[in-house]
Amino acid sequence: RYYQQTESEKPEFTDKKVVINTKYRYRIKAKFKDGSESAFSEEILIEF
């Protein structure tokens, strides 16, 4: 599920909606000015 987009000037993300005792999975990909996109990154699992 798509969650959020960031701008290239600030390529970072903070998830402010995390809940204790929950697992989160994240992947990223780049979208280029010409409209093309990279492949997704490897998935990371965060247990909060």
C-alpha atoms as a PDB file:
ATOM      1  CA  ARG A   1       0.000   0.000   0.000  1.00  0.00           C
ATOM      2  CA  TYR A   2       1.310   3.436  -0.921  1.00  0.00           C
ATOM      3  CA  TYR A   3       1.873   5.592   2.150  1.00  0.00           C
ATOM      4  CA  GLN A   4       3.747   8.811   1.442  1.00  0.00           C
ATOM      5  CA  GLN A   5       5.798  10.732  -1.100  1.00  0.00           C
ATOM      6  CA  THR A   6       8.749  12.987  -0.244  1.00  0.00           C
ATOM      7  CA  GLU A   7      10.441  15.618  -2.357  1.00  0.00           C
ATOM      8  CA  SER A   8      14.014  15.216  -3.594  1.00  0.00           C
ATOM      9  CA  GLU A   9      15.147  18.243  -1.581  1.00  0.00           C
ATOM     10  CA  LYS A  10      14.186  16.365   1.599  1.00  0.00           C
ATOM     11  CA  PRO A  11      14.660  12.636   0.898  1.00  0.00           C
ATOM     12  CA  GLU A  12      13.647  11.392   4.348  1.00  0.00           C
ATOM     13  CA  PHE A  13      10.525  10.048   5.996  1.00  0.00           C
ATOM     14  CA  THR A  14       9.309   9.858   9.589  1.00  0.00           C
ATOM     15  CA  ASP A  15       6.295   7.676  10.313  1.00  0.00           C
ATOM     16  CA  LYS A  16       4.433   9.484  13.082  1.00  0.00           C
ATOM     17  CA  LYS A  17       1.528   7.036  13.248  1.00  0.00           C
ATOM     18  CA  VAL A  18       3.286   3.995  14.717  1.00  0.00           C
ATOM     19  CA  VAL A  19       1.657   1.961  17.465  1.00  0.00           C
ATOM     20  CA  ILE A  20       3.487   0.023  20.185  1.00  0.00           C
ATOM     21  CA  ASN A  21       3.630  -3.784  19.721  1.00  0.00           C
ATOM     22  CA  THR A  22       3.132  -3.495  15.972  1.00  0.00           C
ATOM     23  CA  LYS A  23       5.306  -4.655  13.061  1.00  0.00           C
ATOM     24  CA  TYR A  24       5.871  -2.319  10.117  1.00  0.00           C
ATOM     25  CA  ARG A  25       7.303  -3.131   6.698  1.00  0.00           C
ATOM     26  CA  TYR A  26       8.805  -0.439   4.493  1.00  0.00           C
ATOM     27  CA  ARG A  27      10.097  -0.285   0.911  1.00  0.00           C
ATOM     28  CA  ILE A  28      11.089   2.724  -1.146  1.00  0.00           C
ATOM     29  CA  LYS A  29      11.437   3.573  -4.813  1.00  0.00           C
ATOM     30  CA  ALA A  30      12.497   6.634  -6.776  1.00  0.00           C
ATOM     31  CA  LYS A  31      10.305   8.451  -9.263  1.00  0.00           C
ATOM     32  CA  PHE A  32      12.317  10.457 -11.789  1.00  0.00           C
ATOM     33  CA  LYS A  33      11.457  13.759 -13.481  1.00  0.00           C
ATOM     34  CA  ASP A  34      10.874  11.971 -16.792  1.00  0.00           C
ATOM     35  CA  GLY A  35       8.147   9.852 -15.127  1.00  0.00           C
ATOM     36  CA  SER A  36      10.151   6.633 -14.944  1.00  0.00           C
ATOM     37  CA  GLU A  37      10.500   4.776 -11.653  1.00  0.00           C
ATOM     38  CA  SER A  38      13.131   2.600 -10.022  1.00  0.00           C
ATOM     39  CA  ALA A  39      12.436  -0.865  -8.697  1.00  0.00           C
ATOM     40  CA  PHE A  40      11.394  -1.136  -5.056  1.00  0.00           C
ATOM     41  CA  SER A  41      14.142  -1.443  -2.457  1.00  0.00           C
ATOM     42  CA  GLU A  42      14.512  -4.491  -0.279  1.00  0.00           C
ATOM     43  CA  GLU A  43      11.826  -4.574   2.392  1.00  0.00           C
ATOM     44  CA  ILE A  44      12.785  -3.732   5.964  1.00  0.00           C
ATOM     45  CA  LEU A  45      10.832  -4.900   8.996  1.00  0.00           C
ATOM     46  CA  ILE A  46      10.539  -2.684  12.062  1.00  0.00           C
ATOM     47  CA  GLU A  47       9.060  -3.985  15.306  1.00  0.00           C
ATOM     48  CA  PHE A  48       7.932  -1.131  17.526  1.00  0.00           C
END
